[in-house]
Amino acid sequence: MRNELTYHAVACALAVVCLAASTGAQTPAPSAQGAAAAGASIVVEKPTYVSIPLEITVNRPAAEVWRRVGKYCDISEWLQIPAGCTIVSGRDGEVGAVRSVATEVLVAKTEFSYTYTQPVRAGRPYNLYHGTLEARPVTATTSKLLYTLLYDNSMLPDDAAREKDKAARTATFTRALANMKTLAEGGTLTPPPAPAGGAPVSPSGRRN
């Protein structure tokens, strides 16, 4: 009788363990559920790409201008970023370098230009944001600085929001070009203006 009771007790215990294991396999752990949510699609089905081409004339040769404002982390000076800029991966000035400003990746460069992009982020629609900065010779003593932005604005709610976003980015980088001109011509920058109303555009164009 005692052996029979012991057998039934062991059988019941094994059944409970198996049921618990089965339930655990069918229901993801909280961390796994969070990872699934973070893995939401970042693909934009119908992107609407917009470009913002900007330029300014500088009274200095292109080579001299590029030496002054063309290093990958010079952005912290002419965009007046309080936190500064550091290279967090790769080698400064080489394709593949990543700077701390929006973790932007250097994807192309020439003697007097570079192009960068912002990385894909989990759970956020990818807007393909790219920026190109170039110093272009005009004469032996003058040059142009050109800054071109490219991104997808289809995720904004309507045309009014898209126009407001474009205007804010244009204002930010128009001021950046003016600051680069000042620095390249040997001047000193004034403190940045106070943010206007609405959601500000963070350094390098990401809207907060």
Protein backbone atom coordinates (compact mmCIF):
# COMPACT_ATOMS: atom_id res chain seq x y z
CA MET A 1 0.00 0.00 0.00
CA ARG A 2 2.80 2.40 0.92
CA ASN A 3 4.63 1.67 -2.37
CA GLU A 4 1.44 2.35 -4.35
CA LEU A 5 0.90 5.74 -2.62
CA THR A 6 4.53 6.68 -3.24
CA TYR A 7 4.18 5.80 -6.93
CA HIS A 8 1.07 7.99 -7.31
CA ALA A 9 2.77 10.92 -5.51
CA VAL A 10 5.79 10.76 -7.80
CA ALA A 11 3.56 10.55 -10.88
CA CYS A 12 1.58 13.62 -9.82
CA ALA A 13 4.76 15.59 -9.16
CA LEU A 14 6.12 14.74 -12.61
CA ALA A 15 2.83 15.81 -14.20
CA VAL A 16 3.01 19.21 -12.48
CA VAL A 17 6.61 19.73 -13.63
CA CYS A 18 5.77 18.81 -17.23
CA LEU A 19 2.73 21.13 -17.26
CA ALA A 20 4.83 24.03 -15.97
CA ALA A 21 7.50 23.40 -18.59
CA SER A 22 4.88 23.27 -21.35
CA THR A 23 3.27 26.52 -20.21
CA GLY A 24 6.65 28.27 -20.07
CA ALA A 25 7.47 27.18 -23.62
CA GLN A 26 4.16 28.52 -24.97
CA THR A 27 4.29 31.94 -23.22
CA PRO A 28 7.39 34.07 -23.97
CA ALA A 29 9.19 35.56 -21.00
CA PRO A 30 8.57 39.29 -20.43
CA SER A 31 11.99 40.16 -21.84
CA ALA A 32 11.24 38.21 -25.03
CA GLN A 33 7.88 39.98 -25.40
CA GLY A 34 9.66 43.32 -25.04
CA ALA A 35 12.17 42.34 -27.69
CA ALA A 36 9.34 41.38 -30.06
CA ALA A 37 7.69 44.77 -29.54
CA ALA A 38 11.00 46.54 -30.13
CA GLY A 39 11.33 44.61 -33.37
CA ALA A 40 8.32 46.34 -34.95
CA SER A 41 8.73 47.03 -38.65
CA ILE A 42 10.90 50.00 -39.52
CA VAL A 43 10.12 49.78 -43.23
CA VAL A 44 8.23 52.74 -44.70
CA GLU A 45 5.85 51.53 -47.44
CA LYS A 46 5.46 54.81 -49.33
CA PRO A 47 8.40 57.11 -48.57
CA THR A 48 8.38 60.74 -49.70
CA TYR A 49 11.98 61.88 -49.97
CA VAL A 50 12.83 65.54 -49.58
CA SER A 51 16.18 67.25 -50.07
CA ILE A 52 17.40 70.55 -48.64
CA PRO A 53 20.34 72.01 -50.60
CA LEU A 54 22.10 74.92 -48.89
CA GLU A 55 25.25 76.87 -49.73
CA ILE A 56 27.29 79.88 -48.66
CA THR A 57 30.29 81.70 -50.14
CA VAL A 58 33.47 81.81 -48.07
CA ASN A 59 36.33 84.25 -48.64
CA ARG A 60 38.98 81.60 -48.21
CA PRO A 61 40.42 78.83 -50.43
CA ALA A 62 38.59 75.50 -50.23
CA ALA A 63 41.58 73.67 -48.75
CA GLU A 64 41.89 76.24 -45.97
CA VAL A 65 38.15 76.14 -45.29
CA TRP A 66 38.16 72.34 -45.09
CA ARG A 67 41.07 72.28 -42.67
CA ARG A 68 39.11 74.58 -40.36
CA VAL A 69 35.60 73.10 -40.45
CA GLY A 70 35.80 69.78 -42.32
CA LYS A 71 36.92 67.35 -39.62
CA TYR A 72 34.18 64.88 -38.73
CA CYS A 73 33.80 66.15 -35.16
CA ASP A 74 34.04 69.84 -36.07
CA ILE A 75 30.23 69.63 -36.07
CA SER A 76 30.20 70.25 -32.32
CA GLU A 77 31.77 73.67 -32.88
CA TRP A 78 29.80 75.00 -35.84
CA LEU A 79 26.52 73.44 -34.74
CA GLN A 80 27.31 74.59 -31.19
CA ILE A 81 26.59 71.31 -29.43
CA PRO A 82 27.17 71.68 -25.66
CA ALA A 83 27.97 67.98 -25.20
CA GLY A 84 30.71 68.14 -27.82
CA CYS A 85 31.60 65.32 -30.21
CA THR A 86 33.81 62.25 -29.95
CA ILE A 87 34.56 59.35 -32.27
CA VAL A 88 32.93 56.32 -30.67
CA SER A 89 33.88 53.74 -33.31
CA GLY A 90 36.36 53.51 -36.17
CA ARG A 91 39.04 56.06 -37.01
CA ASP A 92 38.40 59.78 -37.27
CA GLY A 93 37.99 60.88 -40.88
CA GLU A 94 37.77 57.38 -42.31
CA VAL A 95 34.70 55.78 -43.87
CA GLY A 96 32.93 53.77 -41.17
CA ALA A 97 33.77 56.16 -38.33
CA VAL A 98 30.90 56.79 -35.92
CA ARG A 99 30.59 60.07 -34.04
CA SER A 100 28.72 60.58 -30.79
CA VAL A 101 26.40 63.14 -32.40
CA ALA A 102 23.30 61.03 -33.17
CA THR A 103 25.68 58.04 -33.63
CA GLU A 104 26.15 59.19 -37.22
CA VAL A 105 28.18 56.96 -39.55
CA LEU A 106 30.62 58.35 -42.11
CA VAL A 107 29.64 56.58 -45.34
CA ALA A 108 31.58 58.47 -48.05
CA LYS A 109 34.30 61.09 -48.39
CA THR A 110 36.42 62.98 -50.90
CA GLU A 111 39.27 65.44 -50.45
CA PHE A 112 36.89 68.26 -49.50
CA SER A 113 33.61 66.50 -48.64
CA TYR A 114 31.97 63.79 -46.61
CA THR A 115 28.56 62.13 -46.37
CA TYR A 116 27.06 60.65 -43.23
CA THR A 117 23.89 58.83 -42.27
CA GLN A 118 21.97 58.09 -39.10
CA PRO A 119 21.53 54.40 -38.22
CA VAL A 120 18.39 52.31 -38.20
CA ARG A 121 16.75 52.20 -34.78
CA ALA A 122 14.47 49.48 -33.43
CA GLY A 123 10.79 50.36 -33.40
CA ARG A 124 11.26 53.67 -35.28
CA PRO A 125 10.40 54.11 -38.99
CA TYR A 126 13.65 54.56 -40.91
CA ASN A 127 13.78 57.95 -42.65
CA LEU A 128 17.05 57.33 -44.56
CA TYR A 129 18.52 60.58 -43.20
CA HIS A 130 21.76 61.57 -44.95
CA GLY A 131 23.82 64.73 -44.90
CA THR A 132 26.65 65.86 -47.17
CA LEU A 133 29.08 68.69 -46.41
CA GLU A 134 31.41 69.96 -49.15
CA ALA A 135 33.91 72.77 -49.64
CA ARG A 136 33.98 73.58 -53.36
CA PRO A 137 36.68 75.80 -54.92
CA VAL A 138 35.41 78.88 -56.79
CA THR A 139 38.58 80.91 -57.30
CA ALA A 140 42.09 80.73 -55.91
CA THR A 141 40.96 82.70 -52.86
CA THR A 142 37.24 81.88 -52.51
CA SER A 143 35.07 78.81 -52.18
CA LYS A 144 31.55 77.63 -51.42
CA LEU A 145 30.37 75.48 -48.55
CA LEU A 146 27.49 73.25 -49.57
CA TYR A 147 25.32 71.29 -47.14
CA THR A 148 22.69 68.93 -48.54
CA LEU A 149 20.19 66.98 -46.45
CA LEU A 150 18.12 64.05 -47.71
CA TYR A 151 15.44 62.25 -45.72
CA ASP A 152 11.96 60.71 -45.84
CA ASN A 153 9.21 62.82 -44.25
CA SER A 154 6.27 60.51 -45.02
CA MET A 155 5.85 59.56 -41.37
CA LEU A 156 4.80 63.11 -40.44
CA PRO A 157 1.01 63.51 -40.12
CA ASP A 158 0.27 66.07 -42.86
CA ASP A 159 1.67 68.65 -45.27
CA ALA A 160 1.69 71.38 -42.64
CA ALA A 161 3.83 69.25 -40.33
CA ARG A 162 6.17 68.39 -43.20
CA GLU A 163 6.63 72.05 -44.11
CA LYS A 164 7.27 72.98 -40.48
CA ASP A 165 9.84 70.21 -40.16
CA LYS A 166 11.61 71.28 -43.36
CA ALA A 167 11.65 74.92 -42.25
CA ALA A 168 13.18 73.99 -38.89
CA ARG A 169 15.90 71.88 -40.50
CA THR A 170 16.61 74.63 -43.04
CA ALA A 171 16.99 77.21 -40.28
CA THR A 172 19.28 74.94 -38.24
CA PHE A 173 21.68 74.23 -41.08
CA THR A 174 21.57 77.70 -42.57
CA ARG A 175 22.89 78.90 -39.24
CA ALA A 176 25.44 76.08 -39.25
CA LEU A 177 26.76 77.23 -42.63
CA ALA A 178 26.96 80.82 -41.42
CA ASN A 179 28.94 79.61 -38.40
CA MET A 180 31.31 77.64 -40.63
CA LYS A 181 31.88 80.73 -42.77
CA THR A 182 32.65 82.79 -39.66
CA LEU A 183 35.11 80.21 -38.34
CA ALA A 184 36.79 79.66 -41.71
CA GLU A 185 37.27 83.41 -42.14
CA GLY A 186 38.84 83.72 -38.69
CA GLY A 187 35.85 85.06 -36.77
CA THR A 188 34.27 84.15 -33.43
CA LEU A 189 30.82 82.65 -32.97
CA THR A 190 28.02 84.27 -31.01
CA PRO A 191 25.95 82.16 -28.59
CA PRO A 192 23.17 80.16 -30.28
CA PRO A 193 19.62 81.57 -30.22
CA ALA A 194 17.04 80.26 -27.77
CA PRO A 195 14.86 77.45 -29.22
CA ALA A 196 11.69 78.61 -30.92
CA GLY A 197 8.31 77.13 -30.01
CA GLY A 198 7.44 73.61 -30.99
CA ALA A 199 9.53 70.47 -31.01
CA PRO A 200 13.19 71.39 -31.57
CA VAL A 201 15.40 69.77 -34.15
CA SER A 202 18.31 68.18 -32.35
CA PRO A 203 21.91 68.34 -33.58
CA SER A 204 22.24 66.83 -37.05
CA GLY A 205 18.58 67.02 -37.79
CA ARG A 206 16.73 64.53 -35.61
CA ARG A 207 13.44 65.86 -34.31
CA ASN A 208 12.98 65.29 -30.57
